[in-house]
Amino acid sequence: MEVVVSGALLLLCVLLPLLFSTCTMYRRKGQLPPGPAPWPFLGNLLQKDALPLYKCYPKLMEKYGSIFTVWMGPRPLVVLCGYEVVKDALVGHAEVFGGRSAIPIHDRVSNSQGLLKSGSEIKWRELRRFTLSTLREFGMGKKAMSERVQKEALCLVEEVATTQGKPFDPRRIITSAVCNVICFVLYGSRFDYTDENLIEHLRIMDNRFKFLCSYYGTVYSAMANIMDYLPGWHKKIMAEAKKMCAFIRAKVESHRLTLDPQNPRDYIDCFLMKSEKDQISPENVYNSEELVMCVFDLFLAGSITTSNTLLYGLLVMAKLPHIQAKVQQEIDDVLGGNHTAGMEERMRMSFTNAVIHEILRFRKTAAEVFPRELTCHTEFRGYTLTKGTAATALLTSVHFDPLQWETPEKFNPQHFLDEKGQFRKRDAFMAFSAGKRACPGEALARTELFLFFSILLQNFTFQLVEDGQNIDITSFKQRDQYPLIRAIRR
């Protein structure tokens, strides 16, 4: 009898929260923009016509308009599509759409600290301001940083040359080179491409990025409070993140012991110096754990995303050899035989610059990974949205908006060239987002992409090993797989 009662109580403990959650879902559903009908508790997670958004948004837009709602489990996500709507949200209503929604896999490790934090707006603003200032101090957007990237690019050229035209997987060495740039800013030094710590860093970050962009990661984010009690991939991801944080913590303590306030070496030194001055602050923004998580966040943002874009660019060049040849011809015309590309040449290399921008436009990414959160109640384009609602600006829908691009479904560098063949900016280009949550490392990422891309194509012609006709570059996701390529020395 006691077993039956216990079982009944356990069943009630499970069913009552589910019933409450389902009732809450359907009550909120009538107050939100329209969207595909959610299933009880699961929302739209199992519906292939709703997720992933970068694949499903065209049909959803056609049915529901430029603003619609999908349910990530029991939580709604308002999706904003098209240039006009996204610009209105991120720029016209920057403060309203400027909050950061919780990212459970990150918050479990960070305790809501670092640059990806949700929660305290005051702390986030202060850390972002300090980080941007420090990155500029160490050359972001300046000649000193360009020279640092140039040196790393030449190291990368030497590494690629060791393949001697044989098939190879470029992921490790490309990611190592990009990673070394941010490592120099954060740690004051670079790693050898075979260094075990570097390889471990990259493995952890790559696994983390795969998890965030995977279906499993989407389910975890939607139901973290339940899945925390279950075994699975998320446990491994959190354990790896804690391991990397321990490495960063050791770096911080080493820096603390050798700190020279007159000669700061890197971001960690600057943070420690600021911490000494900020001890009396009631907010206690500049504490050791904030530093650890800021370094962790900057490493993730400054290595995986940029390297994945560069890898995708090499794939596109190998897939479209006529465009690769035109880039190389411009490089030869502007740089000659021996001169290495610098940022001062970018305006003279309009076609190369246009190709890089088109790579960024054409590459589709998972939008639901880092949603925004409304900071207050607002009336937005006919809808009443409440404070705390999660929203995502679908940048892929901006980059494929037929009202903004002449041939959105085609890889076409002419999108960024005027009638005279000179580079032109496009308002609908939002690869680094917009508004108050725009990427703080945009200047560094632009420098890396231009210099690494130009120097690699100056020295090599890239070819696909397998038949290039079998690879669809519109849907290719390099984090899951990467075809072998050849680098033929020019």
Protein backbone atom coordinates (compact mmCIF):
# COMPACT_ATOMS: atom_id res chain seq x y z
CA MET A 1 0.00 0.00 0.00
CA GLU A 2 2.80 2.41 0.91
CA VAL A 3 4.50 1.68 -2.44
CA VAL A 4 1.29 2.55 -4.30
CA VAL A 5 0.88 5.81 -2.37
CA SER A 6 4.51 6.74 -2.95
CA GLY A 7 4.16 5.99 -6.65
CA ALA A 8 1.01 8.07 -6.88
CA LEU A 9 2.68 11.00 -5.11
CA LEU A 10 5.69 10.76 -7.42
CA LEU A 11 3.40 10.73 -10.45
CA LEU A 12 1.58 13.80 -9.14
CA CYS A 13 4.91 15.58 -8.59
CA VAL A 14 5.73 14.99 -12.24
CA LEU A 15 2.30 15.64 -13.76
CA LEU A 16 1.33 18.77 -11.83
CA PRO A 17 4.32 20.87 -13.00
CA LEU A 18 3.75 19.61 -16.55
CA LEU A 19 0.08 20.52 -16.36
CA PHE A 20 0.87 23.94 -14.93
CA SER A 21 3.50 24.55 -17.61
CA THR A 22 1.09 23.52 -20.38
CA CYS A 23 -1.68 25.79 -19.07
CA THR A 24 0.78 28.69 -18.85
CA MET A 25 1.94 28.02 -22.42
CA TYR A 26 -1.54 28.17 -23.89
CA ARG A 27 -2.47 31.23 -21.85
CA ARG A 28 0.60 33.10 -23.10
CA LYS A 29 0.14 31.86 -26.65
CA GLY A 30 -2.79 34.21 -27.23
CA GLN A 31 -0.70 37.21 -26.14
CA LEU A 32 2.21 36.57 -28.50
CA PRO A 33 2.75 36.88 -32.27
CA PRO A 34 1.33 33.90 -34.20
CA GLY A 35 3.39 30.83 -34.98
CA PRO A 36 3.23 27.04 -35.39
CA ALA A 37 1.00 25.38 -32.78
CA PRO A 38 3.15 24.08 -29.89
CA TRP A 39 2.78 20.67 -28.36
CA PRO A 40 2.18 20.54 -24.59
CA PHE A 41 5.43 21.18 -22.69
CA LEU A 42 7.60 20.23 -25.73
CA GLY A 43 6.58 23.28 -27.73
CA ASN A 44 7.92 23.09 -31.31
CA LEU A 45 11.08 21.15 -30.45
CA LEU A 46 10.05 18.00 -32.33
CA GLN A 47 8.50 19.77 -35.31
CA LYS A 48 10.78 19.69 -38.35
CA ASP A 49 8.81 22.47 -40.05
CA ALA A 50 9.71 24.88 -37.19
CA LEU A 51 13.36 24.22 -36.26
CA PRO A 52 16.18 24.90 -37.00
CA LEU A 53 15.20 28.46 -37.78
CA TYR A 54 17.85 29.17 -40.43
CA LYS A 55 16.29 26.42 -42.54
CA CYS A 56 12.60 26.84 -41.69
CA TYR A 57 12.16 30.61 -41.47
CA PRO A 58 11.16 31.20 -45.16
CA LYS A 59 8.04 29.02 -44.85
CA LEU A 60 7.24 30.40 -41.40
CA MET A 61 7.55 33.96 -42.71
CA GLU A 62 5.31 33.16 -45.64
CA LYS A 63 2.62 31.84 -43.30
CA TYR A 64 2.92 34.12 -40.25
CA GLY A 65 4.73 37.25 -41.44
CA SER A 66 8.03 38.83 -40.39
CA ILE A 67 7.35 38.42 -36.66
CA PHE A 68 6.31 35.04 -35.31
CA THR A 69 6.70 32.85 -32.23
CA VAL A 70 8.26 29.42 -31.87
CA TRP A 71 8.24 27.54 -28.59
CA MET A 72 11.52 26.18 -27.24
CA GLY A 73 9.90 23.67 -24.97
CA PRO A 74 7.61 25.58 -22.59
CA ARG A 75 9.32 28.94 -23.33
CA PRO A 76 8.33 31.18 -26.24
CA LEU A 77 10.90 32.74 -28.58
CA VAL A 78 9.78 35.70 -30.68
CA VAL A 79 11.53 35.58 -34.07
CA LEU A 80 12.24 38.77 -36.02
CA CYS A 81 12.85 38.42 -39.75
CA GLY A 82 13.86 40.67 -42.64
CA TYR A 83 16.00 43.78 -42.73
CA GLU A 84 13.34 46.36 -41.84
CA VAL A 85 12.05 44.49 -38.79
CA VAL A 86 15.50 43.50 -37.49
CA LYS A 87 16.88 47.01 -37.93
CA ASP A 88 13.85 48.48 -36.15
CA ALA A 89 14.40 46.11 -33.20
CA LEU A 90 18.19 46.21 -32.82
CA VAL A 91 18.76 49.86 -33.75
CA GLY A 92 15.43 51.65 -33.40
CA HIS A 93 14.58 49.84 -30.15
CA ALA A 94 18.12 49.04 -29.04
CA GLU A 95 17.47 49.38 -25.30
CA VAL A 96 14.28 47.33 -25.37
CA PHE A 97 15.89 44.43 -27.29
CA GLY A 98 19.22 44.83 -25.51
CA GLY A 99 18.92 42.25 -22.75
CA ARG A 100 20.59 38.87 -22.82
CA SER A 101 18.42 35.82 -22.32
CA ALA A 102 19.77 33.03 -20.13
CA ILE A 103 22.09 30.48 -21.78
CA PRO A 104 21.83 27.53 -19.35
CA ILE A 105 24.92 25.59 -20.50
CA HIS A 106 26.95 28.76 -19.99
CA ASP A 107 25.27 30.02 -16.82
CA ARG A 108 25.81 26.68 -15.05
CA VAL A 109 29.57 27.24 -15.32
CA SER A 110 29.78 31.03 -15.17
CA ASN A 111 27.25 31.71 -12.37
CA SER A 112 26.04 34.56 -14.60
CA GLN A 113 29.48 36.17 -14.76
CA GLY A 114 31.48 37.33 -17.77
CA LEU A 115 30.56 39.06 -21.03
CA LEU A 116 27.74 36.64 -21.94
CA LYS A 117 26.00 37.17 -18.63
CA SER A 118 22.28 37.55 -18.20
CA GLY A 119 21.17 39.55 -15.20
CA SER A 120 22.92 42.67 -13.88
CA GLU A 121 22.85 45.29 -16.61
CA ILE A 122 25.20 47.57 -14.64
CA LYS A 123 27.95 44.94 -14.40
CA TRP A 124 27.58 43.92 -18.04
CA ARG A 125 27.83 47.51 -19.28
CA GLU A 126 30.92 48.15 -17.18
CA LEU A 127 32.68 44.95 -18.28
CA ARG A 128 31.86 45.56 -21.93
CA ARG A 129 33.14 49.15 -21.73
CA PHE A 130 36.35 48.01 -20.03
CA THR A 131 36.86 45.17 -22.53
CA LEU A 132 36.41 47.39 -25.59
CA SER A 133 38.79 49.96 -24.12
CA THR A 134 41.41 47.31 -23.32
CA LEU A 135 41.15 45.66 -26.73
CA ARG A 136 41.73 49.04 -28.36
CA GLU A 137 44.68 49.62 -26.03
CA PHE A 138 46.26 46.42 -27.33
CA GLY A 139 45.80 47.47 -30.91
CA MET A 140 42.35 46.30 -32.01
CA GLY A 141 41.64 48.22 -35.19
CA LYS A 142 45.18 49.68 -35.24
CA LYS A 143 48.38 48.95 -37.13
CA ALA A 144 49.94 47.10 -34.19
CA MET A 145 47.20 44.45 -34.31
CA SER A 146 47.47 44.19 -38.10
CA GLU A 147 51.18 43.45 -37.73
CA ARG A 148 50.45 40.79 -35.10
CA VAL A 149 47.93 39.09 -37.42
CA GLN A 150 50.37 39.34 -40.34
CA LYS A 151 53.05 37.52 -38.34
CA GLU A 152 50.62 34.78 -37.39
CA ALA A 153 49.43 34.50 -40.99
CA LEU A 154 53.00 33.92 -42.14
CA CYS A 155 53.37 31.18 -39.51
CA LEU A 156 50.18 29.67 -40.92
CA VAL A 157 51.59 29.80 -44.46
CA GLU A 158 54.65 27.84 -43.31
CA GLU A 159 52.41 25.25 -41.66
CA VAL A 160 50.18 24.84 -44.73
CA ALA A 161 53.29 24.54 -46.94
CA THR A 162 54.32 21.39 -45.03
CA THR A 163 51.36 19.57 -46.62
CA GLN A 164 53.22 19.80 -49.97
CA GLY A 165 50.03 19.80 -52.02
CA LYS A 166 48.72 16.61 -50.42
CA PRO A 167 45.12 16.30 -49.17
CA PHE A 168 44.68 17.60 -45.62
CA ASP A 169 42.02 18.71 -43.15
CA PRO A 170 42.67 22.44 -42.54
CA ARG A 171 40.56 22.84 -39.40
CA ARG A 172 43.22 22.41 -36.71
CA ILE A 173 45.89 24.67 -38.16
CA ILE A 174 43.45 27.39 -39.30
CA THR A 175 41.76 27.46 -35.89
CA SER A 176 45.15 27.42 -34.14
CA ALA A 177 46.30 30.47 -36.10
CA VAL A 178 43.13 32.46 -35.35
CA CYS A 179 43.23 31.34 -31.73
CA ASN A 180 46.82 32.57 -31.33
CA VAL A 181 45.76 36.13 -32.12
CA ILE A 182 43.27 36.25 -29.24
CA CYS A 183 45.71 34.34 -27.02
CA PHE A 184 48.27 37.09 -27.51
CA VAL A 185 45.69 39.68 -26.41
CA LEU A 186 44.50 37.64 -23.43
CA TYR A 187 47.69 35.89 -22.26
CA GLY A 188 50.44 37.99 -23.82
CA SER A 189 51.85 35.04 -25.78
CA ARG A 190 51.05 32.62 -28.59
CA PHE A 191 51.17 28.82 -28.69
CA ASP A 192 52.99 26.48 -31.03
CA TYR A 193 50.46 24.71 -33.25
CA THR A 194 51.39 21.38 -31.62
CA ASP A 195 51.13 22.69 -28.04
CA GLU A 196 48.94 20.35 -25.96
CA ASN A 197 47.26 23.21 -24.10
CA LEU A 198 46.29 24.89 -27.36
CA ILE A 199 44.95 21.64 -28.83
CA GLU A 200 42.95 21.03 -25.64
CA HIS A 201 41.58 24.60 -25.68
CA LEU A 202 40.42 24.19 -29.26
CA ARG A 203 38.89 20.78 -28.67
CA ILE A 204 36.88 22.10 -25.71
CA MET A 205 35.70 25.18 -27.58
CA ASP A 206 34.82 23.22 -30.72
CA ASN A 207 32.79 20.70 -28.69
CA ARG A 208 31.05 23.58 -26.91
CA PHE A 209 30.17 25.30 -30.18
CA LYS A 210 28.89 22.05 -31.67
CA PHE A 211 26.74 21.50 -28.59
CA LEU A 212 25.27 25.02 -28.68
CA CYS A 213 24.33 24.68 -32.36
CA SER A 214 23.05 21.10 -32.11
CA TYR A 215 19.52 19.85 -31.64
CA TYR A 216 20.62 18.33 -28.32
CA GLY A 217 21.84 21.76 -27.21
CA THR A 218 18.50 23.31 -28.19
CA VAL A 219 16.62 20.74 -26.12
CA TYR A 220 18.96 21.27 -23.18
CA SER A 221 18.48 25.04 -23.28
CA ALA A 222 14.72 24.57 -23.31
CA MET A 223 14.61 22.04 -20.46
CA ALA A 224 17.81 22.58 -18.49
CA ASN A 225 16.15 22.25 -15.08
CA ILE A 226 15.04 18.73 -15.96
CA MET A 227 18.07 17.62 -17.98
CA ASP A 228 20.47 18.67 -15.23
CA TYR A 229 19.31 15.56 -13.38
CA LEU A 230 19.94 13.30 -16.39
CA PRO A 231 23.20 11.98 -17.89
CA GLY A 232 24.18 13.15 -21.35
CA TRP A 233 26.39 15.29 -23.55
CA HIS A 234 25.70 18.39 -21.45
CA LYS A 235 27.56 16.89 -18.50
CA LYS A 236 30.68 16.46 -20.62
CA ILE A 237 30.44 20.00 -21.98
CA MET A 238 30.17 21.49 -18.49
CA ALA A 239 33.06 19.36 -17.20
CA GLU A 240 35.26 20.49 -20.11
CA ALA A 241 34.35 24.14 -19.51
CA LYS A 242 35.28 23.84 -15.83
CA LYS A 243 38.60 22.28 -16.86
CA MET A 244 39.36 25.22 -19.15
CA CYS A 245 38.33 27.69 -16.45
CA ALA A 246 40.83 26.00 -14.12
CA PHE A 247 43.56 26.58 -16.74
CA ILE A 248 42.56 30.25 -17.05
CA ARG A 249 42.46 30.56 -13.25
CA ALA A 250 46.05 29.31 -13.08
CA LYS A 251 47.04 31.85 -15.76
CA VAL A 252 45.43 34.62 -13.71
CA GLU A 253 47.34 33.63 -10.57
CA SER A 254 50.60 33.47 -12.52
CA HIS A 255 49.94 36.95 -13.89
CA ARG A 256 49.10 38.22 -10.42
CA LEU A 257 52.51 37.10 -9.12
CA THR A 258 54.45 38.70 -11.99
CA LEU A 259 52.31 41.80 -12.52
CA ASP A 260 54.16 45.03 -13.34
CA PRO A 261 51.63 47.90 -13.18
CA GLN A 262 53.94 50.06 -15.28
CA ASN A 263 54.04 47.53 -18.13
CA PRO A 264 50.76 45.62 -18.56
CA ARG A 265 51.30 42.69 -20.91
CA ASP A 266 47.74 41.73 -21.84
CA TYR A 267 44.04 41.76 -20.98
CA ILE A 268 44.58 39.79 -17.74
CA ASP A 269 47.12 42.32 -16.47
CA CYS A 270 44.82 45.24 -17.25
CA PHE A 271 41.92 43.54 -15.47
CA LEU A 272 44.06 42.85 -12.38
CA MET A 273 45.19 46.47 -12.30
CA LYS A 274 41.59 47.63 -12.57
CA SER A 275 40.65 45.23 -9.78
CA GLU A 276 43.15 46.88 -7.44
CA LYS A 277 41.58 50.29 -8.09
CA ASP A 278 38.00 49.02 -7.87
CA GLN A 279 38.13 47.23 -4.50
CA ILE A 280 35.84 49.72 -2.78
CA SER A 281 33.13 49.48 -5.46
CA PRO A 282 29.86 48.08 -4.03
CA GLU A 283 29.20 46.27 -7.31
CA ASN A 284 32.55 44.41 -7.08
CA VAL A 285 32.67 44.13 -10.87
CA TYR A 286 36.39 43.40 -11.18
CA ASN A 287 36.74 40.20 -9.17
CA SER A 288 38.78 37.12 -10.07
CA GLU A 289 35.87 34.97 -11.24
CA GLU A 290 34.57 37.74 -13.49
CA LEU A 291 38.05 37.86 -15.03
CA VAL A 292 38.12 34.09 -15.59
CA MET A 293 34.75 34.13 -17.34
CA CYS A 294 35.58 37.23 -19.42
CA VAL A 295 38.70 35.46 -20.71
CA PHE A 296 36.64 32.31 -21.36
CA ASP A 297 33.99 34.29 -23.30
CA LEU A 298 36.58 36.23 -25.32
CA PHE A 299 38.41 33.04 -26.22
CA LEU A 300 35.19 31.46 -27.46
CA ALA A 301 34.13 34.55 -29.41
CA GLY A 302 37.62 35.26 -30.76
CA SER A 303 38.57 31.82 -32.00
CA ILE A 304 35.78 29.51 -33.13
CA THR A 305 33.49 31.93 -34.97
CA THR A 306 36.26 33.67 -36.92
CA SER A 307 38.07 30.45 -37.78
CA ASN A 308 34.82 28.80 -38.94
CA THR A 309 34.16 31.75 -41.25
CA LEU A 310 37.69 31.55 -42.65
CA LEU A 311 37.36 27.81 -43.20
CA TYR A 312 34.05 28.36 -44.96
CA GLY A 313 35.73 31.00 -47.14
CA LEU A 314 38.41 28.52 -48.23
CA LEU A 315 35.72 25.99 -49.09
CA VAL A 316 33.88 28.57 -51.20
CA MET A 317 37.12 29.46 -53.04
CA ALA A 318 37.83 25.79 -53.72
CA LYS A 319 34.24 25.28 -54.90
CA LEU A 320 34.29 28.41 -57.10
CA PRO A 321 37.76 28.48 -58.71
CA HIS A 322 36.86 31.33 -61.08
CA ILE A 323 36.26 33.64 -58.11
CA GLN A 324 39.42 32.39 -56.40
CA ALA A 325 41.42 33.18 -59.54
CA LYS A 326 39.99 36.70 -59.70
CA VAL A 327 40.91 37.32 -56.03
CA GLN A 328 44.44 36.09 -56.69
CA GLN A 329 44.77 38.30 -59.74
CA GLU A 330 43.81 41.35 -57.70
CA ILE A 331 46.26 40.36 -54.95
CA ASP A 332 49.05 40.06 -57.53
CA ASP A 333 48.16 43.37 -59.15
CA VAL A 334 48.07 45.29 -55.86
CA LEU A 335 50.79 43.55 -53.86
CA GLY A 336 53.21 42.29 -56.47
CA GLY A 337 55.28 39.21 -55.80
CA ASN A 338 56.86 39.73 -52.38
CA HIS A 339 54.81 42.31 -50.45
CA THR A 340 52.54 40.92 -47.69
CA ALA A 341 48.99 42.28 -47.47
CA GLY A 342 48.28 44.84 -44.74
CA MET A 343 45.06 46.58 -43.75
CA GLU A 344 46.19 49.70 -45.61
CA GLU A 345 45.74 47.73 -48.87
CA ARG A 346 42.15 46.76 -48.15
CA MET A 347 40.61 49.75 -49.92
CA ARG A 348 42.75 49.02 -52.99
CA MET A 349 41.55 45.39 -53.02
CA SER A 350 37.85 45.98 -53.61
CA PHE A 351 37.06 42.58 -55.09
CA THR A 352 38.85 40.67 -52.30
CA ASN A 353 37.05 42.79 -49.71
CA ALA A 354 33.73 42.16 -51.46
CA VAL A 355 34.35 38.39 -51.52
CA ILE A 356 35.03 38.35 -47.76
CA HIS A 357 31.83 40.29 -47.10
CA GLU A 358 29.89 37.94 -49.36
CA ILE A 359 31.30 34.95 -47.44
CA LEU A 360 29.99 36.50 -44.23
CA ARG A 361 26.61 37.24 -45.84
CA PHE A 362 26.18 33.84 -47.44
CA ARG A 363 27.11 31.71 -44.43
CA LYS A 364 24.01 30.59 -42.54
CA THR A 365 24.24 30.31 -38.77
CA ALA A 366 22.02 29.08 -35.94
CA ALA A 367 20.13 32.12 -34.62
CA GLU A 368 18.46 30.57 -31.60
CA VAL A 369 21.78 30.00 -29.78
CA PHE A 370 22.16 33.49 -28.23
CA PRO A 371 18.68 35.07 -27.95
CA ARG A 372 18.02 38.61 -26.71
CA GLU A 373 15.62 39.43 -23.89
CA LEU A 374 13.24 42.37 -23.70
CA THR A 375 14.21 44.76 -20.93
CA CYS A 376 10.72 46.30 -20.60
CA HIS A 377 7.17 46.07 -21.93
CA THR A 378 6.86 47.48 -25.43
CA GLU A 379 4.55 47.94 -28.39
CA PHE A 380 6.46 46.68 -31.42
CA ARG A 381 4.96 46.62 -34.92
CA GLY A 382 1.44 45.93 -33.73
CA TYR A 383 2.34 43.44 -31.00
CA THR A 384 2.50 43.94 -27.23
CA LEU A 385 5.63 42.22 -25.98
CA THR A 386 6.24 41.85 -22.24
CA LYS A 387 9.44 42.34 -20.28
CA GLY A 388 11.56 39.18 -20.08
CA THR A 389 10.31 37.72 -23.38
CA ALA A 390 13.09 36.02 -25.34
CA ALA A 391 13.56 37.28 -28.90
CA THR A 392 15.99 36.52 -31.69
CA ALA A 393 16.86 38.70 -34.66
CA LEU A 394 17.32 36.24 -37.52
CA LEU A 395 20.36 37.70 -39.28
CA THR A 396 20.22 35.02 -41.97
CA SER A 397 16.83 36.40 -42.99
CA VAL A 398 18.44 39.85 -43.33
CA HIS A 399 21.27 38.50 -45.48
CA PHE A 400 18.84 36.63 -47.73
CA ASP A 401 16.19 39.35 -47.84
CA PRO A 402 15.08 39.62 -51.51
CA LEU A 403 14.14 43.28 -50.95
CA GLN A 404 17.76 44.12 -50.06
CA TRP A 405 19.91 41.88 -52.25
CA GLU A 406 19.86 41.51 -56.02
CA THR A 407 20.56 37.75 -56.03
CA PRO A 408 20.23 36.63 -52.39
CA GLU A 409 20.36 32.87 -53.09
CA LYS A 410 23.52 33.14 -55.19
CA PHE A 411 27.09 33.68 -53.99
CA ASN A 412 27.72 37.00 -55.70
CA PRO A 413 30.53 39.40 -54.68
CA GLN A 414 28.91 42.06 -56.89
CA HIS A 415 26.55 42.67 -53.98
CA PHE A 416 29.39 44.71 -52.45
CA LEU A 417 30.69 46.43 -55.59
CA ASP A 418 29.39 49.54 -57.32
CA GLU A 419 29.18 50.12 -61.07
CA LYS A 420 32.86 51.17 -61.11
CA GLY A 421 34.00 48.01 -59.32
CA GLN A 422 34.71 49.84 -56.06
CA PHE A 423 33.72 48.38 -52.70
CA ARG A 424 30.42 49.63 -51.31
CA LYS A 425 28.87 49.16 -47.90
CA ARG A 426 25.38 47.70 -47.57
CA ASP A 427 23.01 48.67 -44.76
CA ALA A 428 21.57 45.17 -44.77
CA PHE A 429 24.93 43.61 -43.94
CA MET A 430 24.71 42.59 -40.26
CA ALA A 431 27.24 39.80 -39.87
CA PHE A 432 28.33 41.25 -36.52
CA SER A 433 24.78 42.04 -35.40
CA ALA A 434 23.78 45.62 -34.48
CA GLY A 435 22.76 47.75 -31.55
CA LYS A 436 24.03 47.54 -27.98
CA ARG A 437 24.78 43.79 -28.17
CA ALA A 438 26.79 44.02 -31.39
CA CYS A 439 29.98 41.94 -31.41
CA PRO A 440 32.67 43.78 -29.37
CA GLY A 441 35.41 42.05 -31.38
CA GLU A 442 34.18 43.17 -34.80
CA ALA A 443 37.29 45.23 -35.61
CA LEU A 444 39.59 42.33 -34.69
CA ALA A 445 37.52 39.81 -36.65
CA ARG A 446 37.55 42.03 -39.76
CA THR A 447 41.33 42.41 -39.52
CA GLU A 448 41.87 38.67 -39.13
CA LEU A 449 39.54 37.69 -41.95
CA PHE A 450 41.06 40.10 -44.45
CA LEU A 451 44.72 39.38 -43.63
CA PHE A 452 44.49 35.61 -43.19
CA PHE A 453 42.32 35.26 -46.32
CA SER A 454 44.52 37.51 -48.48
CA ILE A 455 47.84 36.03 -47.36
CA LEU A 456 46.63 32.45 -47.79
CA LEU A 457 45.36 33.11 -51.33
CA GLN A 458 48.50 35.04 -52.16
CA ASN A 459 50.53 31.90 -51.43
CA PHE A 460 48.21 29.01 -52.31
CA THR A 461 45.48 27.87 -54.65
CA PHE A 462 42.94 25.72 -52.80
CA GLN A 463 41.29 22.72 -54.43
CA LEU A 464 38.68 20.22 -53.28
CA VAL A 465 39.89 16.63 -53.21
CA GLU A 466 36.45 15.17 -53.92
CA ASP A 467 34.16 16.27 -56.73
CA GLY A 468 33.17 19.84 -55.87
CA GLN A 469 29.76 19.37 -57.50
CA ASN A 470 28.77 17.13 -54.58
CA ILE A 471 29.18 19.89 -51.99
CA ASP A 472 26.38 22.38 -51.43
CA ILE A 473 27.99 25.50 -49.95
CA THR A 474 24.58 27.01 -49.11
CA SER A 475 23.89 24.36 -46.44
CA PHE A 476 27.42 23.25 -45.53
CA LYS A 477 28.23 23.54 -41.82
CA GLN A 478 31.97 23.22 -41.24
CA ARG A 479 31.64 22.55 -37.53
CA ASP A 480 30.15 19.13 -38.34
CA GLN A 481 32.43 18.06 -41.17
CA TYR A 482 35.03 19.42 -43.51
CA PRO A 483 36.15 17.96 -46.83
CA LEU A 484 39.83 17.38 -47.45
CA ILE A 485 41.47 20.05 -49.58
CA ARG A 486 44.79 20.63 -51.32
CA ALA A 487 46.87 23.78 -51.03
CA ILE A 488 48.93 24.17 -54.21
CA ARG A 489 51.84 26.56 -53.76
CA ARG A 490 51.68 29.45 -56.24
